[in-house]
Amino acid sequence: MHYLWLMLAIITETIGTSALQASAQFTRLWPSVVVVVGYGLSFYFMALSLKFMPVGIVYALWSGIGIVLIALIGKYYFGQDLDMPAIFGMGLIIAGILVIQLCSKTATH
C-alpha cells in the first residue's frame, strides 16, 4: 500500500507542477487552484508513505520520478526541448532510482 501512496504523491505533484507552468505566475485562477490542491495532496500522500518507508528513500523516488515526468510533460505539452546533457542527467536519475529499488536494503520491498 505504501507504494500506492507514493505513486499518488508523485502523480499529484506532477499535476501541481504542470499547473504551475500553466498558471502564468499565479495570474490564472484555475491552474493556480490546481497547483495548491496538487501540492497539498502530494504532501498528504507522501506523509502516508512515510509511515512505512524512510524519508530519504521516499524523497529520492518522489523527486527523481517527478523530475523525469515533468521534463516529459514540458517537452510534449509545453514544447520545451531538452538537450543531450539534460537527457543524460535524467538517465542518471533513472539509474539511481533503479539502484535504490533493486539493491538498497533500506527501500521497503
PDB file of N, CA and C in Angstrom:
ATOM      1  N   MET A   1       0.817  -1.204   0.000  1.00  0.00           N
ATOM      2  CA  MET A   1       0.000   0.000   0.000  1.00  0.00           C
ATOM      3  C   MET A   1       0.860   1.268   0.000  1.00  0.00           C
ATOM      4  N   HIS A   2       2.058   1.187   0.617  1.00  0.00           N
ATOM      5  CA  HIS A   2       2.917   2.365   0.696  1.00  0.00           C
ATOM      6  C   HIS A   2       3.387   2.821  -0.681  1.00  0.00           C
ATOM      7  N   TYR A   3       3.550   1.884  -1.617  1.00  0.00           N
ATOM      8  CA  TYR A   3       3.926   2.297  -2.978  1.00  0.00           C
ATOM      9  C   TYR A   3       2.758   2.966  -3.693  1.00  0.00           C
ATOM     10  N   LEU A   4       1.543   2.583  -3.380  1.00  0.00           N
ATOM     11  CA  LEU A   4       0.370   3.273  -3.936  1.00  0.00           C
ATOM     12  C   LEU A   4       0.349   4.713  -3.452  1.00  0.00           C
ATOM     13  N   TRP A   5       0.589   4.920  -2.141  1.00  0.00           N
ATOM     14  CA  TRP A   5       0.618   6.289  -1.610  1.00  0.00           C
ATOM     15  C   TRP A   5       1.714   7.103  -2.286  1.00  0.00           C
ATOM     16  N   LEU A   6       2.878   6.477  -2.458  1.00  0.00           N
ATOM     17  CA  LEU A   6       3.989   7.184  -3.082  1.00  0.00           C
ATOM     18  C   LEU A   6       3.677   7.522  -4.543  1.00  0.00           C
ATOM     19  N   MET A   7       3.089   6.609  -5.274  1.00  0.00           N
ATOM     20  CA  MET A   7       2.737   6.885  -6.671  1.00  0.00           C
ATOM     21  C   MET A   7       1.689   8.001  -6.758  1.00  0.00           C
ATOM     22  N   LEU A   8       0.722   7.998  -5.858  1.00  0.00           N
ATOM     23  CA  LEU A   8      -0.268   9.079  -5.833  1.00  0.00           C
ATOM     24  C   LEU A   8       0.410  10.419  -5.504  1.00  0.00           C
ATOM     25  N   ALA A   9       1.394  10.390  -4.602  1.00  0.00           N
ATOM     26  CA  ALA A   9       2.137  11.612  -4.274  1.00  0.00           C
ATOM     27  C   ALA A   9       2.875  12.128  -5.501  1.00  0.00           C
ATOM     28  N   ILE A  10       3.489  11.232  -6.255  1.00  0.00           N
ATOM     29  CA  ILE A  10       4.239  11.631  -7.455  1.00  0.00           C
ATOM     30  C   ILE A  10       3.292  12.173  -8.517  1.00  0.00           C
ATOM     31  N   ILE A  11       2.175  11.505  -8.720  1.00  0.00           N
ATOM     32  CA  ILE A  11       1.212  11.938  -9.743  1.00  0.00           C
ATOM     33  C   ILE A  11       0.627  13.302  -9.397  1.00  0.00           C
ATOM     34  N   THR A  12       0.221  13.496  -8.141  1.00  0.00           N
ATOM     35  CA  THR A  12      -0.378  14.781  -7.770  1.00  0.00           C
ATOM     36  C   THR A  12       0.659  15.907  -7.776  1.00  0.00           C
ATOM     37  N   GLU A  13       1.908  15.595  -7.445  1.00  0.00           N
ATOM     38  CA  GLU A  13       2.966  16.599  -7.533  1.00  0.00           C
ATOM     39  C   GLU A  13       3.213  16.978  -8.992  1.00  0.00           C
ATOM     40  N   THR A  14       3.191  16.000  -9.867  1.00  0.00           N
ATOM     41  CA  THR A  14       3.394  16.257 -11.292  1.00  0.00           C
ATOM     42  C   THR A  14       2.255  17.106 -11.855  1.00  0.00           C
ATOM     43  N   ILE A  15       1.049  16.829 -11.440  1.00  0.00           N
ATOM     44  CA  ILE A  15      -0.099  17.645 -11.858  1.00  0.00           C
ATOM     45  C   ILE A  15       0.060  19.075 -11.335  1.00  0.00           C
ATOM     46  N   GLY A  16       0.431  19.215 -10.066  1.00  0.00           N
ATOM     47  CA  GLY A  16       0.614  20.538  -9.483  1.00  0.00           C
ATOM     48  C   GLY A  16       1.706  21.330 -10.170  1.00  0.00           C
ATOM     49  N   THR A  17       2.818  20.683 -10.496  1.00  0.00           N
ATOM     50  CA  THR A  17       3.920  21.377 -11.155  1.00  0.00           C
ATOM     51  C   THR A  17       3.550  21.749 -12.586  1.00  0.00           C
ATOM     52  N   SER A  18       2.825  20.887 -13.273  1.00  0.00           N
ATOM     53  CA  SER A  18       2.362  21.217 -14.624  1.00  0.00           C
ATOM     54  C   SER A  18       1.419  22.412 -14.582  1.00  0.00           C
ATOM     55  N   ALA A  19       0.554  22.445 -13.586  1.00  0.00           N
ATOM     56  CA  ALA A  19      -0.364  23.573 -13.437  1.00  0.00           C
ATOM     57  C   ALA A  19       0.391  24.848 -13.062  1.00  0.00           C
ATOM     58  N   LEU A  20       1.511  24.703 -12.360  1.00  0.00           N
ATOM     59  CA  LEU A  20       2.329  25.871 -12.019  1.00  0.00           C
ATOM     60  C   LEU A  20       2.799  26.574 -13.287  1.00  0.00           C
ATOM     61  N   GLN A  21       3.218  25.800 -14.272  1.00  0.00           N
ATOM     62  CA  GLN A  21       3.602  26.383 -15.560  1.00  0.00           C
ATOM     63  C   GLN A  21       2.391  27.034 -16.230  1.00  0.00           C
ATOM     64  N   ALA A  22       1.255  26.353 -16.183  1.00  0.00           N
ATOM     65  CA  ALA A  22       0.044  26.864 -16.837  1.00  0.00           C
ATOM     66  C   ALA A  22      -0.563  28.056 -16.100  1.00  0.00           C
ATOM     67  N   SER A  23      -0.218  28.252 -14.828  1.00  0.00           N
ATOM     68  CA  SER A  23      -0.813  29.341 -14.053  1.00  0.00           C
ATOM     69  C   SER A  23      -0.296  30.714 -14.445  1.00  0.00           C
ATOM     70  N   ALA A  24       0.772  30.760 -15.226  1.00  0.00           N
ATOM     71  CA  ALA A  24       1.387  32.030 -15.641  1.00  0.00           C
ATOM     72  C   ALA A  24       1.699  32.896 -14.418  1.00  0.00           C
ATOM     73  N   GLN A  25       2.526  32.336 -13.528  1.00  0.00           N
ATOM     74  CA  GLN A  25       2.940  33.005 -12.291  1.00  0.00           C
ATOM     75  C   GLN A  25       1.743  33.396 -11.422  1.00  0.00           C
ATOM     76  N   PHE A  26       0.790  32.487 -11.293  1.00  0.00           N
ATOM     77  CA  PHE A  26      -0.407  32.643 -10.462  1.00  0.00           C
ATOM     78  C   PHE A  26      -1.308  33.782 -10.922  1.00  0.00           C
ATOM     79  N   THR A  27      -1.312  34.063 -12.211  1.00  0.00           N
ATOM     80  CA  THR A  27      -2.217  35.084 -12.740  1.00  0.00           C
ATOM     81  C   THR A  27      -3.488  34.461 -13.322  1.00  0.00           C
ATOM     82  N   ARG A  28      -3.521  33.148 -13.441  1.00  0.00           N
ATOM     83  CA  ARG A  28      -4.712  32.457 -13.930  1.00  0.00           C
ATOM     84  C   ARG A  28      -5.287  31.633 -12.783  1.00  0.00           C
ATOM     85  N   LEU A  29      -6.577  31.831 -12.493  1.00  0.00           N
ATOM     86  CA  LEU A  29      -7.191  31.273 -11.283  1.00  0.00           C
ATOM     87  C   LEU A  29      -7.167  29.751 -11.236  1.00  0.00           C
ATOM     88  N   TRP A  30      -7.763  29.083 -12.210  1.00  0.00           N
ATOM     89  CA  TRP A  30      -7.950  27.639 -12.092  1.00  0.00           C
ATOM     90  C   TRP A  30      -6.650  26.849 -12.104  1.00  0.00           C
ATOM     91  N   PRO A  31      -5.697  27.192 -12.960  1.00  0.00           N
ATOM     92  CA  PRO A  31      -4.409  26.494 -12.820  1.00  0.00           C
ATOM     93  C   PRO A  31      -3.755  26.747 -11.458  1.00  0.00           C
ATOM     94  N   SER A  32      -3.940  27.939 -10.899  1.00  0.00           N
ATOM     95  CA  SER A  32      -3.392  28.243  -9.580  1.00  0.00           C
ATOM     96  C   SER A  32      -4.052  27.390  -8.494  1.00  0.00           C
ATOM     97  N   VAL A  33      -5.345  27.181  -8.613  1.00  0.00           N
ATOM     98  CA  VAL A  33      -6.059  26.308  -7.666  1.00  0.00           C
ATOM     99  C   VAL A  33      -5.532  24.881  -7.778  1.00  0.00           C
ATOM    100  N   VAL A  34      -5.309  24.420  -9.004  1.00  0.00           N
ATOM    101  CA  VAL A  34      -4.780  23.066  -9.218  1.00  0.00           C
ATOM    102  C   VAL A  34      -3.390  22.935  -8.588  1.00  0.00           C
ATOM    103  N   VAL A  35      -2.580  23.982  -8.647  1.00  0.00           N
ATOM    104  CA  VAL A  35      -1.257  23.957  -8.018  1.00  0.00           C
ATOM    105  C   VAL A  35      -1.394  23.692  -6.522  1.00  0.00           C
ATOM    106  N   VAL A  36      -2.222  24.473  -5.857  1.00  0.00           N
ATOM    107  CA  VAL A  36      -2.367  24.360  -4.404  1.00  0.00           C
ATOM    108  C   VAL A  36      -2.941  22.997  -4.011  1.00  0.00           C
ATOM    109  N   VAL A  37      -3.972  22.556  -4.707  1.00  0.00           N
ATOM    110  CA  VAL A  37      -4.585  21.257  -4.403  1.00  0.00           C
ATOM    111  C   VAL A  37      -3.611  20.122  -4.726  1.00  0.00           C
ATOM    112  N   GLY A  38      -2.935  20.224  -5.871  1.00  0.00           N
ATOM    113  CA  GLY A  38      -1.988  19.176  -6.267  1.00  0.00           C
ATOM    114  C   GLY A  38      -0.866  19.003  -5.267  1.00  0.00           C
ATOM    115  N   TYR A  39      -0.254  20.120  -4.856  1.00  0.00           N
ATOM    116  CA  TYR A  39       0.823  20.020  -3.874  1.00  0.00           C
ATOM    117  C   TYR A  39       0.303  19.573  -2.506  1.00  0.00           C
ATOM    118  N   GLY A  40      -0.861  20.054  -2.117  1.00  0.00           N
ATOM    119  CA  GLY A  40      -1.431  19.626  -0.841  1.00  0.00           C
ATOM    120  C   GLY A  40      -1.658  18.124  -0.804  1.00  0.00           C
ATOM    121  N   LEU A  41      -2.278  17.597  -1.858  1.00  0.00           N
ATOM    122  CA  LEU A  41      -2.498  16.155  -1.931  1.00  0.00           C
ATOM    123  C   LEU A  41      -1.185  15.390  -2.005  1.00  0.00           C
ATOM    124  N   SER A  42      -0.230  15.934  -2.738  1.00  0.00           N
ATOM    125  CA  SER A  42       1.055  15.265  -2.862  1.00  0.00           C
ATOM    126  C   SER A  42       1.731  15.093  -1.506  1.00  0.00           C
ATOM    127  N   PHE A  43       1.762  16.163  -0.713  1.00  0.00           N
ATOM    128  CA  PHE A  43       2.391  16.063   0.597  1.00  0.00           C
ATOM    129  C   PHE A  43       1.595  15.157   1.542  1.00  0.00           C
ATOM    130  N   TYR A  44       0.292  15.140   1.406  1.00  0.00           N
ATOM    131  CA  TYR A  44      -0.524  14.224   2.221  1.00  0.00           C
ATOM    132  C   TYR A  44      -0.193  12.774   1.887  1.00  0.00           C
ATOM    133  N   PHE A  45      -0.171  12.442   0.585  1.00  0.00           N
ATOM    134  CA  PHE A  45       0.131  11.067   0.187  1.00  0.00           C
ATOM    135  C   PHE A  45       1.571  10.690   0.531  1.00  0.00           C
ATOM    136  N   MET A  46       2.485  11.654   0.405  1.00  0.00           N
ATOM    137  CA  MET A  46       3.869  11.370   0.778  1.00  0.00           C
ATOM    138  C   MET A  46       3.949  11.082   2.279  1.00  0.00           C
ATOM    139  N   ALA A  47       3.222  11.825   3.081  1.00  0.00           N
ATOM    140  CA  ALA A  47       3.215  11.586   4.527  1.00  0.00           C
ATOM    141  C   ALA A  47       2.706  10.186   4.847  1.00  0.00           C
ATOM    142  N   LEU A  48       1.701   9.729   4.099  1.00  0.00           N
ATOM    143  CA  LEU A  48       1.202   8.368   4.329  1.00  0.00           C
ATOM    144  C   LEU A  48       2.267   7.324   4.003  1.00  0.00           C
ATOM    145  N   SER A  49       3.020   7.542   2.935  1.00  0.00           N
ATOM    146  CA  SER A  49       4.064   6.576   2.577  1.00  0.00           C
ATOM    147  C   SER A  49       5.203   6.588   3.601  1.00  0.00           C
ATOM    148  N   LEU A  50       5.396   7.723   4.290  1.00  0.00           N
ATOM    149  CA  LEU A  50       6.465   7.819   5.281  1.00  0.00           C
ATOM    150  C   LEU A  50       6.205   6.966   6.523  1.00  0.00           C
ATOM    151  N   LYS A  51       4.981   6.464   6.684  1.00  0.00           N
ATOM    152  CA  LYS A  51       4.701   5.542   7.786  1.00  0.00           C
ATOM    153  C   LYS A  51       5.444   4.225   7.597  1.00  0.00           C
ATOM    154  N   PHE A  52       5.814   3.909   6.351  1.00  0.00           N
ATOM    155  CA  PHE A  52       6.380   2.610   6.041  1.00  0.00           C
ATOM    156  C   PHE A  52       7.773   2.666   5.408  1.00  0.00           C
ATOM    157  N   MET A  53       8.180   3.824   4.927  1.00  0.00           N
ATOM    158  CA  MET A  53       9.442   3.938   4.193  1.00  0.00           C
ATOM    159  C   MET A  53      10.283   5.068   4.781  1.00  0.00           C
ATOM    160  N   PRO A  54      11.610   4.958   4.698  1.00  0.00           N
ATOM    161  CA  PRO A  54      12.479   6.036   5.191  1.00  0.00           C
ATOM    162  C   PRO A  54      12.315   7.306   4.356  1.00  0.00           C
ATOM    163  N   VAL A  55      12.450   8.447   5.009  1.00  0.00           N
ATOM    164  CA  VAL A  55      12.228   9.730   4.347  1.00  0.00           C
ATOM    165  C   VAL A  55      13.193   9.944   3.179  1.00  0.00           C
ATOM    166  N   GLY A  56      14.437   9.515   3.310  1.00  0.00           N
ATOM    167  CA  GLY A  56      15.401   9.695   2.227  1.00  0.00           C
ATOM    168  C   GLY A  56      15.023   8.932   0.973  1.00  0.00           C
ATOM    169  N   ILE A  57      14.522   7.724   1.152  1.00  0.00           N
ATOM    170  CA  ILE A  57      14.098   6.896   0.014  1.00  0.00           C
ATOM    171  C   ILE A  57      12.846   7.490  -0.616  1.00  0.00           C
ATOM    172  N   VAL A  58      11.874   7.857   0.204  1.00  0.00           N
ATOM    173  CA  VAL A  58      10.628   8.447  -0.309  1.00  0.00           C
ATOM    174  C   VAL A  58      10.933   9.708  -1.098  1.00  0.00           C
ATOM    175  N   TYR A  59      11.761  10.573  -0.535  1.00  0.00           N
ATOM    176  CA  TYR A  59      12.035  11.835  -1.209  1.00  0.00           C
ATOM    177  C   TYR A  59      12.839  11.627  -2.487  1.00  0.00           C
ATOM    178  N   ALA A  60      13.775  10.700  -2.469  1.00  0.00           N
ATOM    179  CA  ALA A  60      14.557  10.414  -3.675  1.00  0.00           C
ATOM    180  C   ALA A  60      13.652   9.915  -4.801  1.00  0.00           C
ATOM    181  N   LEU A  61      12.750   9.015  -4.489  1.00  0.00           N
ATOM    182  CA  LEU A  61      11.838   8.489  -5.510  1.00  0.00           C
ATOM    183  C   LEU A  61      10.848   9.557  -5.962  1.00  0.00           C
ATOM    184  N   TRP A  62      10.275  10.276  -5.012  1.00  0.00           N
ATOM    185  CA  TRP A  62       9.290  11.314  -5.317  1.00  0.00           C
ATOM    186  C   TRP A  62       9.882  12.384  -6.220  1.00  0.00           C
ATOM    187  N   SER A  63      11.049  12.880  -5.840  1.00  0.00           N
ATOM    188  CA  SER A  63      11.644  13.957  -6.630  1.00  0.00           C
ATOM    189  C   SER A  63      12.222  13.452  -7.939  1.00  0.00           C
ATOM    190  N   GLY A  64      12.879  12.303  -7.925  1.00  0.00           N
ATOM    191  CA  GLY A  64      13.501  11.781  -9.143  1.00  0.00           C
ATOM    192  C   GLY A  64      12.494  11.430 -10.220  1.00  0.00           C
ATOM    193  N   ILE A  65      11.475  10.696  -9.850  1.00  0.00           N
ATOM    194  CA  ILE A  65      10.442  10.334 -10.826  1.00  0.00           C
ATOM    195  C   ILE A  65       9.692  11.583 -11.265  1.00  0.00           C
ATOM    196  N   GLY A  66       9.438  12.494 -10.320  1.00  0.00           N
ATOM    197  CA  GLY A  66       8.764  13.744 -10.662  1.00  0.00           C
ATOM    198  C   GLY A  66       9.546  14.570 -11.669  1.00  0.00           C
ATOM    199  N   ILE A  67      10.872  14.637 -11.502  1.00  0.00           N
ATOM    200  CA  ILE A  67      11.712  15.389 -12.445  1.00  0.00           C
ATOM    201  C   ILE A  67      11.565  14.839 -13.857  1.00  0.00           C
ATOM    202  N   VAL A  68      11.644  13.534 -13.978  1.00  0.00           N
ATOM    203  CA  VAL A  68      11.550  12.918 -15.305  1.00  0.00           C
ATOM    204  C   VAL A  68      10.159  13.138 -15.904  1.00  0.00           C
ATOM    205  N   LEU A  69       9.109  12.947 -15.115  1.00  0.00           N
ATOM    206  CA  LEU A  69       7.748  13.152 -15.627  1.00  0.00           C
ATOM    207  C   LEU A  69       7.515  14.603 -16.053  1.00  0.00           C
ATOM    208  N   ILE A  70       7.978  15.548 -15.240  1.00  0.00           N
ATOM    209  CA  ILE A  70       7.805  16.961 -15.579  1.00  0.00           C
ATOM    210  C   ILE A  70       8.585  17.317 -16.839  1.00  0.00           C
ATOM    211  N   ALA A  71       9.777  16.758 -16.989  1.00  0.00           N
ATOM    212  CA  ALA A  71      10.556  17.019 -18.209  1.00  0.00           C
ATOM    213  C   ALA A  71       9.817  16.497 -19.440  1.00  0.00           C
ATOM    214  N   LEU A  72       9.203  15.331 -19.329  1.00  0.00           N
ATOM    215  CA  LEU A  72       8.443  14.785 -20.454  1.00  0.00           C
ATOM    216  C   LEU A  72       7.207  15.626 -20.755  1.00  0.00           C
ATOM    217  N   ILE A  73       6.512  16.052 -19.714  1.00  0.00           N
ATOM    218  CA  ILE A  73       5.347  16.922 -19.913  1.00  0.00           C
ATOM    219  C   ILE A  73       5.785  18.246 -20.515  1.00  0.00           C
ATOM    220  N   GLY A  74       6.888  18.796 -20.027  1.00  0.00           N
ATOM    221  CA  GLY A  74       7.409  20.041 -20.584  1.00  0.00           C
ATOM    222  C   GLY A  74       7.716  19.909 -22.065  1.00  0.00           C
ATOM    223  N   LYS A  75       8.279  18.778 -22.439  1.00  0.00           N
ATOM    224  CA  LYS A  75       8.635  18.563 -23.847  1.00  0.00           C
ATOM    225  C   LYS A  75       7.390  18.396 -24.717  1.00  0.00           C
ATOM    226  N   TYR A  76       6.488  17.534 -24.301  1.00  0.00           N
ATOM    227  CA  TYR A  76       5.371  17.177 -25.176  1.00  0.00           C
ATOM    228  C   TYR A  76       4.155  18.089 -25.039  1.00  0.00           C
ATOM    229  N   TYR A  77       3.985  18.732 -23.889  1.00  0.00           N
ATOM    230  CA  TYR A  77       2.808  19.580 -23.705  1.00  0.00           C
ATOM    231  C   TYR A  77       3.142  21.062 -23.863  1.00  0.00           C
ATOM    232  N   PHE A  78       4.298  21.471 -23.314  1.00  0.00           N
ATOM    233  CA  PHE A  78       4.663  22.882 -23.360  1.00  0.00           C
ATOM    234  C   PHE A  78       5.692  23.203 -24.445  1.00  0.00           C
ATOM    235  N   GLY A  79       6.158  22.185 -25.179  1.00  0.00           N
ATOM    236  CA  GLY A  79       7.100  22.401 -26.272  1.00  0.00           C
ATOM    237  C   GLY A  79       8.487  22.838 -25.815  1.00  0.00           C
ATOM    238  N   GLN A  80       8.908  22.398 -24.645  1.00  0.00           N
ATOM    239  CA  GLN A  80      10.220  22.758 -24.110  1.00  0.00           C
ATOM    240  C   GLN A  80      11.206  21.635 -24.418  1.00  0.00           C
ATOM    241  N   ASP A  81      12.168  21.917 -25.283  1.00  0.00           N
ATOM    242  CA  ASP A  81      13.125  20.899 -25.696  1.00  0.00           C
ATOM    243  C   ASP A  81      14.185  20.651 -24.633  1.00  0.00           C
ATOM    244  N   LEU A  82      14.727  19.440 -24.667  1.00  0.00           N
ATOM    245  CA  LEU A  82      15.807  19.043 -23.775  1.00  0.00           C
ATOM    246  C   LEU A  82      17.068  18.810 -24.606  1.00  0.00           C
ATOM    247  N   ASP A  83      18.225  19.260 -24.090  1.00  0.00           N
ATOM    248  CA  ASP A  83      19.466  18.967 -24.786  1.00  0.00           C
ATOM    249  C   ASP A  83      20.047  17.647 -24.258  1.00  0.00           C
ATOM    250  N   MET A  84      21.132  17.206 -24.896  1.00  0.00           N
ATOM    251  CA  MET A  84      21.709  15.912 -24.536  1.00  0.00           C
ATOM    252  C   MET A  84      22.198  15.848 -23.080  1.00  0.00           C
ATOM    253  N   PRO A  85      22.841  16.893 -22.540  1.00  0.00           N
ATOM    254  CA  PRO A  85      23.224  16.807 -21.126  1.00  0.00           C
ATOM    255  C   PRO A  85      22.017  16.635 -20.194  1.00  0.00           C
ATOM    256  N   ALA A  86      20.899  17.284 -20.512  1.00  0.00           N
ATOM    257  CA  ALA A  86      19.697  17.130 -19.691  1.00  0.00           C
ATOM    258  C   ALA A  86      19.160  15.706 -19.783  1.00  0.00           C
ATOM    259  N   ILE A  87      19.133  15.173 -20.979  1.00  0.00           N
ATOM    260  CA  ILE A  87      18.654  13.792 -21.167  1.00  0.00           C
ATOM    261  C   ILE A  87      19.585  12.818 -20.450  1.00  0.00           C
ATOM    262  N   PHE A  88      20.880  13.026 -20.571  1.00  0.00           N
ATOM    263  CA  PHE A  88      21.853  12.174 -19.892  1.00  0.00           C
ATOM    264  C   PHE A  88      21.670  12.249 -18.373  1.00  0.00           C
ATOM    265  N   GLY A  89      21.510  13.457 -17.856  1.00  0.00           N
ATOM    266  CA  GLY A  89      21.306  13.628 -16.418  1.00  0.00           C
ATOM    267  C   GLY A  89      20.050  12.918 -15.929  1.00  0.00           C
ATOM    268  N   MET A  90      18.981  12.996 -16.708  1.00  0.00           N
ATOM    269  CA  MET A  90      17.757  12.293 -16.312  1.00  0.00           C
ATOM    270  C   MET A  90      17.929  10.781 -16.403  1.00  0.00           C
ATOM    271  N   GLY A  91      18.757  10.339 -17.338  1.00  0.00           N
ATOM    272  CA  GLY A  91      19.095   8.911 -17.389  1.00  0.00           C
ATOM    273  C   GLY A  91      19.808   8.477 -16.121  1.00  0.00           C
ATOM    274  N   LEU A  92      20.679   9.339 -15.602  1.00  0.00           N
ATOM    275  CA  LEU A  92      21.353   9.043 -14.336  1.00  0.00           C
ATOM    276  C   LEU A  92      20.366   9.003 -13.172  1.00  0.00           C
ATOM    277  N   ILE A  93      19.372   9.890 -13.193  1.00  0.00           N
ATOM    278  CA  ILE A  93      18.336   9.865 -12.154  1.00  0.00           C
ATOM    279  C   ILE A  93      17.591   8.535 -12.194  1.00  0.00           C
ATOM    280  N   ILE A  94      17.212   8.100 -13.386  1.00  0.00           N
ATOM    281  CA  ILE A  94      16.509   6.818 -13.525  1.00  0.00           C
ATOM    282  C   ILE A  94      17.400   5.674 -13.051  1.00  0.00           C
ATOM    283  N   ALA A  95      18.688   5.728 -13.408  1.00  0.00           N
ATOM    284  CA  ALA A  95      19.617   4.697 -12.943  1.00  0.00           C
ATOM    285  C   ALA A  95      19.690   4.684 -11.418  1.00  0.00           C
ATOM    286  N   GLY A  96      19.722   5.869 -10.810  1.00  0.00           N
ATOM    287  CA  GLY A  96      19.745   5.944  -9.352  1.00  0.00           C
ATOM    288  C   GLY A  96      18.496   5.354  -8.720  1.00  0.00           C
ATOM    289  N   ILE A  97      17.345   5.610  -9.312  1.00  0.00           N
ATOM    290  CA  ILE A  97      16.094   5.044  -8.807  1.00  0.00           C
ATOM    291  C   ILE A  97      16.131   3.518  -8.895  1.00  0.00           C
ATOM    292  N   LEU A  98      16.640   3.009 -10.011  1.00  0.00           N
ATOM    293  CA  LEU A  98      16.740   1.549 -10.174  1.00  0.00           C
ATOM    294  C   LEU A  98      17.695   0.950  -9.141  1.00  0.00           C
ATOM    295  N   VAL A  99      18.816   1.606  -8.890  1.00  0.00           N
ATOM    296  CA  VAL A  99      19.759   1.101  -7.888  1.00  0.00           C
ATOM    297  C   VAL A  99      19.091   1.052  -6.516  1.00  0.00           C
ATOM    298  N   ILE A 100      18.376   2.112  -6.161  1.00  0.00           N
ATOM    299  CA  ILE A 100      17.681   2.133  -4.871  1.00  0.00           C
ATOM    300  C   ILE A 100      16.682   0.982  -4.786  1.00  0.00           C
ATOM    301  N   GLN A 101      15.880   0.827  -5.815  1.00  0.00           N
ATOM    302  CA  GLN A 101      14.815  -0.180  -5.767  1.00  0.00           C
ATOM    303  C   GLN A 101      15.336  -1.615  -5.850  1.00  0.00           C
ATOM    304  N   LEU A 102      16.381  -1.817  -6.619  1.00  0.00           N
ATOM    305  CA  LEU A 102      16.855  -3.185  -6.826  1.00  0.00           C
ATOM    306  C   LEU A 102      17.919  -3.625  -5.827  1.00  0.00           C
ATOM    307  N   CYS A 103      18.675  -2.690  -5.270  1.00  0.00           N
ATOM    308  CA  CYS A 103      19.831  -3.063  -4.468  1.00  0.00           C
ATOM    309  C   CYS A 103      19.799  -2.623  -3.010  1.00  0.00           C
ATOM    310  N   SER A 104      19.069  -1.560  -2.698  1.00  0.00           N
ATOM    311  CA  SER A 104      19.114  -1.000  -1.364  1.00  0.00           C
ATOM    312  C   SER A 104      18.304  -1.827  -0.368  1.00  0.00           C
ATOM    313  N   LYS A 105      18.890  -2.059   0.769  1.00  0.00           N
ATOM    314  CA  LYS A 105      18.170  -2.762   1.837  1.00  0.00           C
ATOM    315  C   LYS A 105      17.296  -1.791   2.641  1.00  0.00           C
ATOM    316  N   THR A 106      17.511  -0.470   2.459  1.00  0.00           N
ATOM    317  CA  THR A 106      16.701   0.494   3.192  1.00  0.00           C
ATOM    318  C   THR A 106      15.363   0.760   2.499  1.00  0.00           C
ATOM    319  N   ALA A 107      15.263   0.444   1.198  1.00  0.00           N
ATOM    320  CA  ALA A 107      13.986   0.599   0.498  1.00  0.00           C
ATOM    321  C   ALA A 107      13.069  -0.540   0.919  1.00  0.00           C
ATOM    322  N   THR A 108      11.836  -0.210   1.187  1.00  0.00           N
ATOM    323  CA  THR A 108      10.876  -1.228   1.601  1.00  0.00           C
ATOM    324  C   THR A 108      10.379  -1.963   0.367  1.00  0.00           C
ATOM    325  N   HIS A 109      10.554  -3.268   0.345  1.00  0.00           N
ATOM    326  CA  HIS A 109      10.128  -4.067  -0.810  1.00  0.00           C
ATOM    327  C   HIS A 109       8.940  -4.924  -0.448  1.00  0.00           C
TER     328      HIS A 109
END
